[in-house]
Amino acid sequence: MCGDLLATELAEILSILGIPLETIRYYTDSRVVLGYIGNKTRSVYTYVSNWVDRILRVFSTNKWNFITCLLY
């Protein structure tokens, strides 16, 4: 989740620089994080809720995608 929050903060900087955020898509390798971001009904720990709120202030849930990490 730290990486996803960092991506959100970097996107805010890109927005300040005038780069349109509509063209950016975000990827995470954690299905748990995607579950937290898409969670609308269940309560979670306060710190998780604060991080998710921070992420969703910048992006909607449909901007986030899952990517599988393959290790060889």
C-alpha atoms as a PDB file:
ATOM      1  CA  MET A   1       0.000   0.000   0.000  1.00  0.00           C
ATOM      2  CA  CYS A   2       2.967   2.332   0.531  1.00  0.00           C
ATOM      3  CA  GLY A   3       3.809   2.122  -3.162  1.00  0.00           C
ATOM      4  CA  ASP A   4       0.240   2.875  -4.154  1.00  0.00           C
ATOM      5  CA  LEU A   5       0.186   5.910  -1.906  1.00  0.00           C
ATOM      6  CA  LEU A   6       3.491   7.050  -3.404  1.00  0.00           C
ATOM      7  CA  ALA A   7       2.030   6.703  -6.914  1.00  0.00           C
ATOM      8  CA  THR A   8      -0.850   8.921  -5.827  1.00  0.00           C
ATOM      9  CA  GLU A   9       1.525  11.561  -4.492  1.00  0.00           C
ATOM     10  CA  LEU A  10       3.564  11.474  -7.705  1.00  0.00           C
ATOM     11  CA  ALA A  11       0.379  11.901  -9.725  1.00  0.00           C
ATOM     12  CA  GLU A  12      -0.441  15.017  -7.725  1.00  0.00           C
ATOM     13  CA  ILE A  13       2.949  16.423  -8.741  1.00  0.00           C
ATOM     14  CA  LEU A  14       2.269  15.546 -12.392  1.00  0.00           C
ATOM     15  CA  SER A  15      -1.043  17.366 -12.115  1.00  0.00           C
ATOM     16  CA  ILE A  16       0.718  20.475 -10.840  1.00  0.00           C
ATOM     17  CA  LEU A  17       3.070  20.256 -13.831  1.00  0.00           C
ATOM     18  CA  GLY A  18       0.068  20.242 -16.167  1.00  0.00           C
ATOM     19  CA  ILE A  19       0.097  16.600 -17.223  1.00  0.00           C
ATOM     20  CA  PRO A  20      -3.500  15.341 -17.564  1.00  0.00           C
ATOM     21  CA  LEU A  21      -4.245  12.568 -15.081  1.00  0.00           C
ATOM     22  CA  GLU A  22      -6.992  11.076 -17.257  1.00  0.00           C
ATOM     23  CA  THR A  23      -4.360   9.342 -19.373  1.00  0.00           C
ATOM     24  CA  ILE A  24      -2.643   7.629 -16.442  1.00  0.00           C
ATOM     25  CA  ARG A  25      -3.521   4.129 -15.230  1.00  0.00           C
ATOM     26  CA  TYR A  26      -2.176   2.628 -12.047  1.00  0.00           C
ATOM     27  CA  TYR A  27      -1.096  -0.920 -11.353  1.00  0.00           C
ATOM     28  CA  THR A  28      -0.563  -2.810  -8.140  1.00  0.00           C
ATOM     29  CA  ASP A  29       0.628  -6.328  -7.503  1.00  0.00           C
ATOM     30  CA  SER A  30      -1.553  -6.650  -4.408  1.00  0.00           C
ATOM     31  CA  ARG A  31      -5.100  -7.930  -4.631  1.00  0.00           C
ATOM     32  CA  VAL A  32      -5.491  -6.915  -0.990  1.00  0.00           C
ATOM     33  CA  VAL A  33      -4.824  -3.275  -1.856  1.00  0.00           C
ATOM     34  CA  LEU A  34      -7.298  -3.468  -4.738  1.00  0.00           C
ATOM     35  CA  GLY A  35      -9.813  -4.890  -2.291  1.00  0.00           C
ATOM     36  CA  TYR A  36      -9.207  -2.023   0.118  1.00  0.00           C
ATOM     37  CA  ILE A  37      -9.512   0.572  -2.656  1.00  0.00           C
ATOM     38  CA  GLY A  38     -12.750  -0.960  -3.947  1.00  0.00           C
ATOM     39  CA  ASN A  39     -14.236  -1.584  -0.497  1.00  0.00           C
ATOM     40  CA  LYS A  40     -17.454   0.343   0.001  1.00  0.00           C
ATOM     41  CA  THR A  41     -19.169  -1.569   2.793  1.00  0.00           C
ATOM     42  CA  ARG A  42     -16.832  -3.192   5.321  1.00  0.00           C
ATOM     43  CA  SER A  43     -14.887  -1.288   7.905  1.00  0.00           C
ATOM     44  CA  VAL A  44     -11.118  -1.598   8.000  1.00  0.00           C
ATOM     45  CA  TYR A  45      -8.394  -0.426  10.352  1.00  0.00           C
ATOM     46  CA  THR A  46      -8.203   3.344  10.748  1.00  0.00           C
ATOM     47  CA  TYR A  47      -4.753   3.646   9.184  1.00  0.00           C
ATOM     48  CA  VAL A  48      -5.873   1.636   6.139  1.00  0.00           C
ATOM     49  CA  SER A  49      -8.985   3.773   5.815  1.00  0.00           C
ATOM     50  CA  ASN A  50      -6.896   6.963   5.934  1.00  0.00           C
ATOM     51  CA  TRP A  51      -4.540   5.708   3.225  1.00  0.00           C
ATOM     52  CA  VAL A  52      -7.395   4.584   0.987  1.00  0.00           C
ATOM     53  CA  ASP A  53      -9.158   7.931   1.445  1.00  0.00           C
ATOM     54  CA  ARG A  54      -5.952   9.698   0.428  1.00  0.00           C
ATOM     55  CA  ILE A  55      -5.657   7.546  -2.697  1.00  0.00           C
ATOM     56  CA  LEU A  56      -9.323   7.989  -3.659  1.00  0.00           C
ATOM     57  CA  ARG A  57      -9.141  11.779  -3.297  1.00  0.00           C
ATOM     58  CA  VAL A  58      -6.934  11.759  -6.381  1.00  0.00           C
ATOM     59  CA  PHE A  59      -8.216   8.732  -8.336  1.00  0.00           C
ATOM     60  CA  SER A  60     -11.335   6.696  -8.679  1.00  0.00           C
ATOM     61  CA  THR A  61     -11.279   2.941  -8.213  1.00  0.00           C
ATOM     62  CA  ASN A  62     -11.480   2.269 -11.965  1.00  0.00           C
ATOM     63  CA  LYS A  63      -7.976   3.718 -12.501  1.00  0.00           C
ATOM     64  CA  TRP A  64      -6.369   0.851 -10.558  1.00  0.00           C
ATOM     65  CA  ASN A  65      -5.456  -2.473 -12.153  1.00  0.00           C
ATOM     66  CA  PHE A  66      -3.849  -5.691 -10.994  1.00  0.00           C
ATOM     67  CA  ILE A  67      -0.580  -6.811 -12.511  1.00  0.00           C
ATOM     68  CA  THR A  68       0.922 -10.230 -11.910  1.00  0.00           C
ATOM     69  CA  CYS A  69       4.579 -10.280 -10.989  1.00  0.00           C
ATOM     70  CA  LEU A  70       6.383 -13.195 -12.545  1.00  0.00           C
ATOM     71  CA  LEU A  71       9.594 -14.345 -10.974  1.00  0.00           C
ATOM     72  CA  TYR A  72      11.883 -16.611 -12.931  1.00  0.00           C
END
